[in-house]
């Protein structure tokens, strides 16, 4: 009888631990943390925190970054600095293990080079857009049935507004600082119509 009681207590403890962990992982706050990788829809930060995106409840995921560090000594069409090239490689490594359906970039050297490594490992072409046609781009990607995991690289004055538009709420109140290159934003659009936004660093 005592053995049965001990077994019951053990099973109860296991169930409590299991459901307690599940609940804790659902409310983990990763905003502001350093992004390590995204593996099959699981966002993993460098401190080991994880957010599992429930694929069956998601309609679209948007990955948004500003171009990497540019060479400010060149005024007309500046390329990336060596640090910027490293950052572009990091983007490719972060997204290596997860799905990407489309990669969008403005037609500047700094943005195209930022997603060059990503396009290479995914064997994809880069889809160009112009800032003046930003509204059309966002309308098109939201309506698309072909592209549901979308990467967009832009500029310090466009990525915050793109985030706010896709999120349907105010996430950023101002543009990125001139020396701010490390923002990696993930907007998750649910089938219910709501959105989750993760503002990470990388």
N, C-alpha and C. Protein backbone atom coordinates (compact mmCIF):
# COMPACT_ATOMS: atom_id res chain seq x y z
N UNK A 1 0.83 -1.21 0.00
CA UNK A 1 0.00 0.00 0.00
C UNK A 1 0.87 1.27 0.00
N UNK A 2 1.93 1.19 0.82
CA UNK A 2 2.85 2.33 0.90
C UNK A 2 3.55 2.57 -0.43
N UNK A 3 3.88 1.47 -1.15
CA UNK A 3 4.53 1.57 -2.45
C UNK A 3 3.63 2.25 -3.47
N UNK A 4 2.32 1.90 -3.41
CA UNK A 4 1.36 2.52 -4.34
C UNK A 4 1.24 4.02 -4.07
N UNK A 5 1.25 4.38 -2.78
CA UNK A 5 1.15 5.80 -2.42
C UNK A 5 2.36 6.57 -2.92
N UNK A 6 3.54 5.95 -2.76
CA UNK A 6 4.76 6.60 -3.24
C UNK A 6 4.75 6.75 -4.75
N UNK A 7 4.25 5.72 -5.46
CA UNK A 7 4.16 5.78 -6.91
C UNK A 7 3.23 6.88 -7.36
N UNK A 8 2.11 7.03 -6.67
CA UNK A 8 1.14 8.07 -7.00
C UNK A 8 1.75 9.46 -6.82
N UNK A 9 2.45 9.63 -5.68
CA UNK A 9 3.10 10.92 -5.40
C UNK A 9 4.15 11.24 -6.46
N UNK A 10 4.92 10.23 -6.88
CA UNK A 10 5.95 10.40 -7.90
C UNK A 10 5.36 10.83 -9.24
N UNK A 11 4.28 10.13 -9.65
CA UNK A 11 3.60 10.47 -10.91
C UNK A 11 3.03 11.87 -10.85
N UNK A 12 2.42 12.21 -9.71
CA UNK A 12 1.85 13.55 -9.53
C UNK A 12 2.92 14.63 -9.63
N UNK A 13 4.08 14.37 -9.05
CA UNK A 13 5.20 15.32 -9.12
C UNK A 13 5.68 15.50 -10.55
N UNK A 14 5.77 14.38 -11.30
CA UNK A 14 6.18 14.45 -12.70
C UNK A 14 5.21 15.27 -13.53
N UNK A 15 3.91 15.02 -13.33
CA UNK A 15 2.89 15.77 -14.09
C UNK A 15 2.93 17.25 -13.76
N UNK A 16 3.12 17.57 -12.48
CA UNK A 16 3.20 18.97 -12.05
C UNK A 16 4.40 19.65 -12.70
N UNK A 17 5.54 18.95 -12.70
CA UNK A 17 6.76 19.50 -13.30
C UNK A 17 6.57 19.70 -14.80
N UNK A 18 5.94 18.73 -15.46
CA UNK A 18 5.73 18.79 -16.91
C UNK A 18 4.85 19.97 -17.30
N UNK A 19 3.69 20.05 -16.65
CA UNK A 19 2.76 21.12 -17.00
C UNK A 19 3.27 22.48 -16.54
N UNK A 20 4.03 22.47 -15.44
CA UNK A 20 4.65 23.72 -14.98
C UNK A 20 5.65 24.24 -15.99
N UNK A 21 6.46 23.33 -16.58
CA UNK A 21 7.44 23.72 -17.60
C UNK A 21 6.75 24.22 -18.85
N UNK A 22 5.69 23.54 -19.25
CA UNK A 22 4.97 23.95 -20.47
C UNK A 22 4.44 25.37 -20.30
N UNK A 23 3.85 25.64 -19.11
CA UNK A 23 3.29 26.96 -18.87
C UNK A 23 4.39 28.02 -18.86
N UNK A 24 5.51 27.70 -18.23
CA UNK A 24 6.61 28.65 -18.14
C UNK A 24 7.17 28.99 -19.51
N UNK A 25 7.31 27.99 -20.41
CA UNK A 25 7.87 28.24 -21.73
C UNK A 25 6.94 29.09 -22.59
N UNK A 26 5.65 29.05 -22.27
CA UNK A 26 4.68 29.80 -23.06
C UNK A 26 4.76 31.30 -22.76
N UNK A 27 5.26 31.67 -21.58
CA UNK A 27 5.26 33.08 -21.20
C UNK A 27 6.67 33.68 -21.15
N UNK A 28 7.66 32.92 -21.61
CA UNK A 28 9.03 33.43 -21.56
C UNK A 28 9.17 34.70 -22.40
N UNK A 29 9.83 35.71 -21.84
CA UNK A 29 10.02 36.99 -22.53
C UNK A 29 11.43 37.03 -23.12
N UNK A 30 11.51 37.04 -24.44
CA UNK A 30 12.82 37.06 -25.10
C UNK A 30 13.14 38.41 -25.71
N UNK A 31 12.25 39.39 -25.57
CA UNK A 31 12.47 40.70 -26.17
C UNK A 31 13.75 41.34 -25.62
N UNK A 32 14.57 41.86 -26.54
CA UNK A 32 15.82 42.49 -26.16
C UNK A 32 16.98 41.53 -26.03
N UNK A 33 16.71 40.22 -26.11
CA UNK A 33 17.77 39.23 -25.97
C UNK A 33 18.52 39.04 -27.28
N UNK A 34 19.69 38.41 -27.16
CA UNK A 34 20.53 38.15 -28.33
C UNK A 34 20.08 36.85 -29.00
N UNK A 35 19.76 36.94 -30.28
CA UNK A 35 19.27 35.79 -31.04
C UNK A 35 20.43 34.89 -31.46
N UNK A 36 20.29 33.59 -31.21
CA UNK A 36 21.33 32.64 -31.63
C UNK A 36 20.95 31.98 -32.95
N UNK A 37 19.71 31.44 -33.00
CA UNK A 37 19.27 30.75 -34.22
C UNK A 37 17.77 30.54 -34.17
N UNK A 38 17.23 30.19 -35.33
CA UNK A 38 15.83 29.78 -35.42
C UNK A 38 15.83 28.41 -36.07
N UNK A 39 15.40 27.42 -35.31
CA UNK A 39 15.42 26.04 -35.79
C UNK A 39 13.99 25.53 -35.93
N UNK A 40 13.55 25.33 -37.18
CA UNK A 40 12.22 24.78 -37.45
C UNK A 40 11.13 25.49 -36.65
N UNK A 41 11.20 26.81 -36.64
CA UNK A 41 10.15 27.57 -35.97
C UNK A 41 10.36 27.78 -34.48
N UNK A 42 11.47 27.34 -33.94
CA UNK A 42 11.79 27.60 -32.53
C UNK A 42 12.85 28.69 -32.45
N UNK A 43 12.51 29.79 -31.80
CA UNK A 43 13.43 30.91 -31.63
C UNK A 43 14.31 30.62 -30.41
N UNK A 44 15.62 30.65 -30.59
CA UNK A 44 16.56 30.32 -29.52
C UNK A 44 17.51 31.49 -29.31
N UNK A 45 17.61 31.97 -28.09
CA UNK A 45 18.50 33.08 -27.78
C UNK A 45 19.82 32.54 -27.22
N UNK A 46 20.81 33.40 -27.15
CA UNK A 46 22.15 32.95 -26.74
C UNK A 46 22.20 32.49 -25.28
N UNK A 47 21.22 32.90 -24.46
CA UNK A 47 21.20 32.45 -23.07
C UNK A 47 20.39 31.16 -22.90
N UNK A 48 19.95 30.58 -24.02
CA UNK A 48 19.24 29.30 -23.97
C UNK A 48 17.73 29.41 -23.90
N UNK A 49 17.19 30.62 -23.81
CA UNK A 49 15.73 30.77 -23.79
C UNK A 49 15.16 30.38 -25.15
N UNK A 50 13.96 29.78 -25.12
CA UNK A 50 13.34 29.32 -26.36
C UNK A 50 11.87 29.71 -26.41
N UNK A 51 11.42 30.05 -27.61
CA UNK A 51 10.00 30.25 -27.87
C UNK A 51 9.64 29.36 -29.04
N UNK A 52 8.72 28.44 -28.82
CA UNK A 52 8.29 27.54 -29.88
C UNK A 52 7.06 28.15 -30.55
N UNK A 53 7.17 28.43 -31.83
CA UNK A 53 6.05 29.00 -32.58
C UNK A 53 5.13 27.86 -33.02
N UNK A 54 3.87 27.95 -32.63
CA UNK A 54 2.89 26.90 -32.94
C UNK A 54 2.45 27.01 -34.40
N UNK A 55 3.08 26.22 -35.25
CA UNK A 55 2.88 26.32 -36.70
C UNK A 55 1.40 26.25 -37.11
N UNK A 56 0.61 25.42 -36.45
CA UNK A 56 -0.78 25.24 -36.87
C UNK A 56 -1.65 26.47 -36.58
N UNK A 57 -1.13 27.41 -35.77
CA UNK A 57 -1.91 28.62 -35.46
C UNK A 57 -1.40 29.85 -36.20
N UNK A 58 -0.37 29.66 -37.05
CA UNK A 58 0.30 30.80 -37.70
C UNK A 58 -0.05 30.87 -39.18
N UNK A 59 -0.30 32.08 -39.65
CA UNK A 59 -0.51 32.27 -41.10
C UNK A 59 0.77 32.77 -41.77
N UNK A 60 1.47 33.72 -41.12
CA UNK A 60 2.70 34.25 -41.71
C UNK A 60 3.72 34.62 -40.63
N UNK A 61 4.99 34.53 -41.00
CA UNK A 61 6.07 35.02 -40.15
C UNK A 61 6.93 35.96 -40.97
N UNK A 62 7.21 37.15 -40.43
CA UNK A 62 8.05 38.14 -41.09
C UNK A 62 9.33 38.32 -40.29
N UNK A 63 10.47 38.23 -40.97
CA UNK A 63 11.77 38.51 -40.37
C UNK A 63 12.25 39.85 -40.92
N UNK A 64 12.51 40.80 -40.04
CA UNK A 64 12.81 42.17 -40.47
C UNK A 64 14.13 42.66 -39.88
N UNK A 65 15.02 43.14 -40.75
CA UNK A 65 16.28 43.73 -40.27
C UNK A 65 16.63 44.97 -41.10
N UNK A 66 17.39 45.83 -40.47
CA UNK A 66 18.02 46.93 -41.20
C UNK A 66 19.28 46.37 -41.86
N UNK A 67 19.74 47.01 -42.92
CA UNK A 67 21.00 46.57 -43.54
C UNK A 67 22.12 46.59 -42.50
N UNK A 68 23.16 45.82 -42.75
CA UNK A 68 24.30 45.73 -41.85
C UNK A 68 25.17 47.00 -41.95
N UNK A 69 26.22 47.05 -41.16
CA UNK A 69 27.09 48.23 -41.08
C UNK A 69 27.59 48.66 -42.46
N UNK A 70 27.42 49.94 -42.76
CA UNK A 70 27.84 50.47 -44.06
C UNK A 70 29.11 51.31 -43.91
N UNK A 71 29.83 51.45 -45.01
CA UNK A 71 31.05 52.25 -45.04
C UNK A 71 30.65 53.72 -45.19
N UNK A 72 30.66 54.46 -44.08
CA UNK A 72 30.20 55.85 -44.09
C UNK A 72 31.17 56.81 -44.77
N UNK A 73 32.36 56.33 -45.12
CA UNK A 73 33.32 57.19 -45.83
C UNK A 73 32.94 57.35 -47.30
N UNK A 74 32.04 56.48 -47.76
CA UNK A 74 31.57 56.55 -49.15
C UNK A 74 30.13 57.04 -49.15
N UNK A 75 29.89 58.16 -49.76
CA UNK A 75 28.57 58.79 -49.71
C UNK A 75 27.59 58.18 -50.71
N UNK A 76 28.06 57.89 -51.91
CA UNK A 76 27.19 57.38 -52.96
C UNK A 76 27.28 55.85 -53.01
N UNK A 77 26.19 55.18 -52.69
CA UNK A 77 26.12 53.72 -52.69
C UNK A 77 27.21 53.07 -51.83
N UNK A 78 27.20 53.33 -50.53
CA UNK A 78 28.23 52.73 -49.67
C UNK A 78 28.06 51.21 -49.56
N UNK A 79 29.16 50.47 -49.65
CA UNK A 79 29.10 49.02 -49.44
C UNK A 79 29.13 48.72 -47.93
N UNK A 80 29.15 47.46 -47.59
CA UNK A 80 29.26 47.07 -46.19
C UNK A 80 30.72 47.16 -45.73
N UNK A 81 30.88 47.42 -44.45
CA UNK A 81 32.21 47.34 -43.83
C UNK A 81 32.51 45.87 -43.55
N UNK A 82 33.74 45.53 -43.16
CA UNK A 82 34.02 44.14 -42.77
C UNK A 82 33.09 43.64 -41.65
N UNK A 83 32.73 44.54 -40.71
CA UNK A 83 31.79 44.17 -39.65
C UNK A 83 30.41 43.87 -40.24
N UNK A 84 30.03 44.67 -41.24
CA UNK A 84 28.76 44.45 -41.91
C UNK A 84 28.70 43.12 -42.65
N UNK A 85 29.81 42.75 -43.27
CA UNK A 85 29.87 41.46 -43.97
C UNK A 85 29.70 40.31 -42.96
N UNK A 86 30.35 40.45 -41.80
CA UNK A 86 30.21 39.42 -40.75
C UNK A 86 28.76 39.33 -40.28
N UNK A 87 28.11 40.48 -40.16
CA UNK A 87 26.72 40.48 -39.72
C UNK A 87 25.81 39.81 -40.75
N UNK A 88 26.08 40.04 -42.03
CA UNK A 88 25.26 39.42 -43.08
C UNK A 88 25.41 37.89 -43.05
N UNK A 89 26.62 37.43 -42.75
CA UNK A 89 26.86 35.99 -42.61
C UNK A 89 26.11 35.44 -41.41
N UNK A 90 26.04 36.25 -40.35
CA UNK A 90 25.33 35.83 -39.14
C UNK A 90 23.84 35.64 -39.41
N UNK A 91 23.25 36.51 -40.24
CA UNK A 91 21.84 36.36 -40.60
C UNK A 91 21.61 35.00 -41.25
N UNK A 92 22.50 34.63 -42.16
CA UNK A 92 22.37 33.34 -42.85
C UNK A 92 22.46 32.18 -41.86
N UNK A 93 23.36 32.29 -40.89
CA UNK A 93 23.52 31.22 -39.89
C UNK A 93 22.29 31.13 -38.99
N UNK A 94 21.73 32.27 -38.61
CA UNK A 94 20.55 32.28 -37.75
C UNK A 94 19.38 31.57 -38.42
N UNK A 95 19.22 31.79 -39.72
CA UNK A 95 18.05 31.25 -40.44
C UNK A 95 18.34 29.97 -41.22
N UNK A 96 19.53 29.44 -41.09
CA UNK A 96 19.92 28.25 -41.84
C UNK A 96 18.94 27.09 -41.61
N UNK A 97 18.50 26.92 -40.38
CA UNK A 97 17.70 25.75 -40.03
C UNK A 97 16.21 25.96 -40.03
N UNK A 98 15.74 27.03 -40.66
CA UNK A 98 14.29 27.25 -40.70
C UNK A 98 13.85 27.70 -42.09
N UNK A 99 12.57 27.66 -42.30
CA UNK A 99 12.00 27.93 -43.62
C UNK A 99 11.96 29.44 -43.93
N UNK A 100 12.34 29.77 -45.17
CA UNK A 100 12.20 31.13 -45.70
C UNK A 100 11.64 30.99 -47.11
N UNK A 101 10.53 31.67 -47.39
CA UNK A 101 9.88 31.56 -48.70
C UNK A 101 10.29 32.66 -49.67
N UNK A 102 10.63 33.83 -49.13
CA UNK A 102 10.97 34.96 -50.00
C UNK A 102 11.89 35.92 -49.25
N UNK A 103 12.79 36.54 -50.00
CA UNK A 103 13.74 37.51 -49.45
C UNK A 103 13.58 38.81 -50.24
N UNK A 104 13.23 39.89 -49.54
CA UNK A 104 13.03 41.18 -50.19
C UNK A 104 14.10 42.18 -49.74
N UNK A 105 14.57 42.97 -50.72
CA UNK A 105 15.59 43.98 -50.43
C UNK A 105 15.40 45.19 -51.34
N UNK A 106 15.74 46.37 -50.82
CA UNK A 106 15.81 47.54 -51.69
C UNK A 106 17.04 47.38 -52.59
N UNK A 107 17.07 48.17 -53.66
CA UNK A 107 18.16 48.05 -54.65
C UNK A 107 19.34 48.94 -54.28
N UNK A 108 19.92 48.68 -53.12
CA UNK A 108 21.15 49.37 -52.73
C UNK A 108 22.19 48.30 -52.41
N UNK A 109 23.46 48.67 -52.54
CA UNK A 109 24.53 47.70 -52.24
C UNK A 109 24.45 47.21 -50.80
N UNK A 110 24.20 48.13 -49.87
CA UNK A 110 24.23 47.75 -48.46
C UNK A 110 23.10 46.78 -48.08
N UNK A 111 21.93 46.93 -48.69
CA UNK A 111 20.84 45.99 -48.37
C UNK A 111 21.01 44.67 -49.11
N UNK A 112 21.38 44.75 -50.39
CA UNK A 112 21.56 43.51 -51.18
C UNK A 112 22.66 42.64 -50.59
N UNK A 113 23.77 43.27 -50.17
CA UNK A 113 24.88 42.51 -49.59
C UNK A 113 24.50 41.93 -48.22
N UNK A 114 23.57 42.60 -47.53
CA UNK A 114 23.14 42.10 -46.22
C UNK A 114 22.44 40.75 -46.33
N UNK A 115 21.71 40.53 -47.42
CA UNK A 115 20.97 39.26 -47.57
C UNK A 115 21.60 38.32 -48.60
N UNK A 116 22.76 38.68 -49.10
CA UNK A 116 23.43 37.87 -50.11
C UNK A 116 23.75 36.46 -49.59
N UNK A 117 24.27 36.37 -48.38
CA UNK A 117 24.62 35.06 -47.80
C UNK A 117 23.37 34.22 -47.55
N UNK A 118 22.32 34.87 -47.07
CA UNK A 118 21.06 34.16 -46.83
C UNK A 118 20.49 33.60 -48.13
N UNK A 119 20.46 34.43 -49.16
CA UNK A 119 19.97 33.98 -50.46
C UNK A 119 20.81 32.83 -50.99
N UNK A 120 22.10 32.88 -50.73
CA UNK A 120 23.01 31.84 -51.20
C UNK A 120 22.73 30.50 -50.54
N UNK A 121 22.61 30.47 -49.19
CA UNK A 121 22.39 29.18 -48.52
C UNK A 121 20.99 28.63 -48.77
N UNK A 122 20.05 29.51 -49.08
CA UNK A 122 18.69 29.06 -49.36
C UNK A 122 18.47 28.81 -50.86
N UNK A 123 19.49 29.08 -51.67
CA UNK A 123 19.40 28.94 -53.13
C UNK A 123 18.17 29.69 -53.66
N UNK A 124 18.06 30.95 -53.24
CA UNK A 124 16.92 31.79 -53.63
C UNK A 124 17.41 33.08 -54.26
N UNK A 125 16.56 33.67 -55.08
CA UNK A 125 16.86 34.99 -55.63
C UNK A 125 16.33 36.05 -54.67
N UNK A 126 16.92 37.24 -54.75
CA UNK A 126 16.48 38.36 -53.92
C UNK A 126 15.44 39.16 -54.71
N UNK A 127 14.30 39.41 -54.09
CA UNK A 127 13.22 40.15 -54.75
C UNK A 127 13.38 41.64 -54.42
N UNK A 128 13.55 42.48 -55.44
CA UNK A 128 13.77 43.91 -55.17
C UNK A 128 12.46 44.67 -54.92
N UNK A 129 12.57 45.71 -54.09
CA UNK A 129 11.45 46.63 -53.91
C UNK A 129 12.01 48.03 -53.72
N UNK A 130 11.16 49.02 -53.90
CA UNK A 130 11.57 50.41 -53.70
C UNK A 130 10.81 50.98 -52.52
N UNK A 131 11.48 51.85 -51.77
CA UNK A 131 10.84 52.45 -50.60
C UNK A 131 9.55 53.18 -50.95
N UNK A 132 9.51 53.78 -52.13
CA UNK A 132 8.30 54.52 -52.52
C UNK A 132 7.12 53.57 -52.76
N UNK A 133 7.41 52.27 -52.96
CA UNK A 133 6.35 51.28 -53.19
C UNK A 133 6.15 50.37 -51.97
N UNK A 134 6.54 50.88 -50.81
CA UNK A 134 6.51 50.07 -49.59
C UNK A 134 5.10 49.59 -49.24
N UNK A 135 4.12 50.46 -49.40
CA UNK A 135 2.74 50.08 -49.09
C UNK A 135 2.29 48.93 -49.97
N UNK A 136 2.62 49.00 -51.26
CA UNK A 136 2.24 47.93 -52.18
C UNK A 136 2.94 46.62 -51.81
N UNK A 137 4.23 46.70 -51.45
CA UNK A 137 4.96 45.50 -51.05
C UNK A 137 4.27 44.83 -49.87
N UNK A 138 3.95 45.61 -48.84
CA UNK A 138 3.34 45.04 -47.64
C UNK A 138 1.95 44.48 -47.93
N UNK A 139 1.20 45.16 -48.77
CA UNK A 139 -0.12 44.63 -49.18
C UNK A 139 0.05 43.31 -49.91
N UNK A 140 1.03 43.25 -50.81
CA UNK A 140 1.25 42.05 -51.61
C UNK A 140 1.68 40.85 -50.75
N UNK A 141 2.63 41.09 -49.83
CA UNK A 141 3.11 39.96 -49.02
C UNK A 141 2.05 39.49 -48.04
N UNK A 142 1.22 40.39 -47.56
CA UNK A 142 0.16 39.99 -46.64
C UNK A 142 -0.90 39.15 -47.35
N UNK A 143 -1.15 39.47 -48.63
CA UNK A 143 -2.17 38.74 -49.39
C UNK A 143 -1.64 37.47 -50.04
N UNK A 144 -0.33 37.34 -50.15
CA UNK A 144 0.27 36.23 -50.88
C UNK A 144 -0.08 34.88 -50.24
N UNK A 145 -0.41 33.92 -51.08
CA UNK A 145 -0.63 32.55 -50.61
C UNK A 145 0.61 31.69 -50.88
N UNK A 146 1.56 32.23 -51.61
CA UNK A 146 2.79 31.49 -51.95
C UNK A 146 3.90 31.73 -50.92
N UNK A 147 3.97 32.95 -50.39
CA UNK A 147 5.05 33.31 -49.48
C UNK A 147 4.48 33.55 -48.08
N UNK A 148 4.83 32.67 -47.15
CA UNK A 148 4.32 32.79 -45.79
C UNK A 148 5.41 32.94 -44.73
N UNK A 149 6.67 32.80 -45.14
CA UNK A 149 7.81 33.03 -44.25
C UNK A 149 8.73 34.00 -44.98
N UNK A 150 8.65 35.26 -44.62
CA UNK A 150 9.19 36.33 -45.46
C UNK A 150 10.27 37.13 -44.74
N UNK A 151 11.39 37.31 -45.41
CA UNK A 151 12.49 38.11 -44.88
C UNK A 151 12.54 39.43 -45.64
N UNK A 152 12.57 40.53 -44.88
CA UNK A 152 12.65 41.86 -45.51
C UNK A 152 13.81 42.62 -44.88
N UNK A 153 14.72 43.09 -45.72
CA UNK A 153 15.79 43.97 -45.25
C UNK A 153 15.49 45.38 -45.74
N UNK A 154 15.68 46.35 -44.85
CA UNK A 154 15.38 47.73 -45.20
C UNK A 154 16.37 48.69 -44.57
N UNK A 155 15.87 49.82 -44.11
CA UNK A 155 16.73 50.90 -43.64
C UNK A 155 16.30 51.36 -42.25
N UNK A 156 17.12 52.22 -41.66
CA UNK A 156 16.86 52.67 -40.29
C UNK A 156 15.52 53.39 -40.16
N UNK A 157 15.08 54.03 -41.25
CA UNK A 157 13.83 54.78 -41.21
C UNK A 157 12.64 54.00 -41.77
N UNK A 158 12.85 52.77 -42.23
CA UNK A 158 11.72 52.00 -42.77
C UNK A 158 11.37 50.75 -41.96
N UNK A 159 12.36 50.06 -41.41
CA UNK A 159 12.07 48.83 -40.67
C UNK A 159 11.15 49.08 -39.46
N UNK A 160 11.34 50.16 -38.70
CA UNK A 160 10.38 50.41 -37.61
C UNK A 160 8.94 50.58 -38.10
N UNK A 161 8.75 51.32 -39.19
CA UNK A 161 7.38 51.52 -39.69
C UNK A 161 6.82 50.25 -40.34
N UNK A 162 7.68 49.46 -40.99
CA UNK A 162 7.25 48.18 -41.53
C UNK A 162 6.77 47.27 -40.39
N UNK A 163 7.53 47.27 -39.30
CA UNK A 163 7.14 46.48 -38.12
C UNK A 163 5.78 46.89 -37.61
N UNK A 164 5.58 48.19 -37.43
CA UNK A 164 4.31 48.70 -36.91
C UNK A 164 3.14 48.34 -37.82
N UNK A 165 3.37 48.44 -39.13
CA UNK A 165 2.31 48.12 -40.10
C UNK A 165 1.95 46.65 -40.05
N UNK A 166 2.95 45.78 -40.09
CA UNK A 166 2.68 44.33 -40.08
C UNK A 166 2.11 43.87 -38.75
N UNK A 167 2.56 44.50 -37.66
CA UNK A 167 2.07 44.12 -36.33
C UNK A 167 0.66 44.64 -36.07
N UNK A 168 0.30 45.70 -36.78
CA UNK A 168 -1.01 46.30 -36.55
C UNK A 168 -1.07 47.07 -35.24
N UNK A 169 0.10 47.43 -34.71
CA UNK A 169 0.18 48.19 -33.46
C UNK A 169 1.53 48.89 -33.38
N UNK A 170 1.63 49.84 -32.45
CA UNK A 170 2.85 50.63 -32.32
C UNK A 170 3.90 49.86 -31.52
N UNK A 171 4.92 49.38 -32.21
CA UNK A 171 6.04 48.70 -31.55
C UNK A 171 7.21 49.66 -31.39
N UNK A 172 7.49 50.41 -32.45
CA UNK A 172 8.57 51.40 -32.42
C UNK A 172 7.97 52.79 -32.55
N UNK A 173 8.45 53.71 -31.72
CA UNK A 173 7.97 55.10 -31.75
C UNK A 173 8.89 56.03 -32.52
N UNK A 174 10.06 55.50 -32.92
CA UNK A 174 11.01 56.32 -33.67
C UNK A 174 11.85 55.43 -34.56
N UNK A 175 12.58 56.04 -35.47
CA UNK A 175 13.47 55.30 -36.37
C UNK A 175 14.67 54.80 -35.58
N UNK A 176 15.42 53.86 -36.16
CA UNK A 176 16.63 53.36 -35.52
C UNK A 176 17.71 54.45 -35.54
N UNK A 177 18.57 54.42 -34.55
CA UNK A 177 19.71 55.34 -34.52
C UNK A 177 20.65 54.99 -35.68
N UNK A 178 21.43 55.97 -36.10
CA UNK A 178 22.33 55.78 -37.24
C UNK A 178 23.32 54.64 -37.02
N UNK A 179 23.74 54.45 -35.77
CA UNK A 179 24.73 53.39 -35.48
C UNK A 179 24.08 52.11 -34.94
N UNK A 180 22.78 51.98 -35.13
CA UNK A 180 22.01 50.84 -34.60
C UNK A 180 21.75 49.83 -35.72
N UNK A 181 22.55 48.78 -35.74
CA UNK A 181 22.46 47.80 -36.81
C UNK A 181 22.01 46.41 -36.35
N UNK A 182 21.81 46.24 -35.05
CA UNK A 182 21.67 44.89 -34.50
C UNK A 182 20.24 44.45 -34.18
N UNK A 183 19.24 45.17 -34.68
CA UNK A 183 17.86 44.77 -34.42
C UNK A 183 17.41 43.65 -35.36
N UNK A 184 16.80 42.63 -34.79
CA UNK A 184 16.23 41.53 -35.57
C UNK A 184 14.80 41.36 -35.07
N UNK A 185 13.84 41.76 -35.89
CA UNK A 185 12.44 41.76 -35.49
C UNK A 185 11.71 40.59 -36.15
N UNK A 186 10.90 39.91 -35.36
CA UNK A 186 10.08 38.82 -35.88
C UNK A 186 8.62 39.15 -35.59
N UNK A 187 7.83 39.24 -36.65
CA UNK A 187 6.39 39.48 -36.51
C UNK A 187 5.67 38.19 -36.90
N UNK A 188 4.91 37.66 -35.96
CA UNK A 188 4.17 36.41 -36.19
C UNK A 188 2.69 36.75 -36.31
N UNK A 189 2.16 36.50 -37.50
CA UNK A 189 0.74 36.77 -37.76
C UNK A 189 -0.06 35.48 -37.55
N UNK A 190 -1.00 35.52 -36.63
CA UNK A 190 -1.79 34.34 -36.29
C UNK A 190 -2.98 34.21 -37.24
N UNK A 191 -3.49 33.00 -37.36
CA UNK A 191 -4.69 32.76 -38.16
C UNK A 191 -5.90 33.47 -37.56
N UNK A 192 -5.82 33.73 -36.27
CA UNK A 192 -6.90 34.43 -35.57
C UNK A 192 -6.94 35.92 -35.92
N UNK A 193 -5.84 36.42 -36.52
CA UNK A 193 -5.74 37.84 -36.87
C UNK A 193 -4.87 38.63 -35.92
N UNK A 194 -4.55 38.07 -34.76
CA UNK A 194 -3.66 38.76 -33.82
C UNK A 194 -2.20 38.57 -34.24
N UNK A 195 -1.32 39.35 -33.64
CA UNK A 195 0.11 39.24 -33.96
C UNK A 195 0.94 39.19 -32.68
N UNK A 196 2.04 38.46 -32.77
CA UNK A 196 3.06 38.48 -31.72
C UNK A 196 4.31 39.10 -32.34
N UNK A 197 5.01 39.93 -31.57
CA UNK A 197 6.21 40.60 -32.07
C UNK A 197 7.36 40.35 -31.11
N UNK A 198 8.48 39.91 -31.66
CA UNK A 198 9.69 39.68 -30.87
C UNK A 198 10.76 40.65 -31.37
N UNK A 199 11.21 41.53 -30.50
CA UNK A 199 12.25 42.51 -30.85
C UNK A 199 13.56 42.03 -30.25
N UNK A 200 14.37 41.42 -31.08
CA UNK A 200 15.62 40.79 -30.64
C UNK A 200 16.84 41.56 -31.13
N UNK A 201 18.00 41.15 -30.65
CA UNK A 201 19.28 41.66 -31.12
C UNK A 201 20.05 40.51 -31.76
N UNK A 202 21.01 40.84 -32.62
CA UNK A 202 21.83 39.78 -33.21
C UNK A 202 23.22 40.30 -33.55
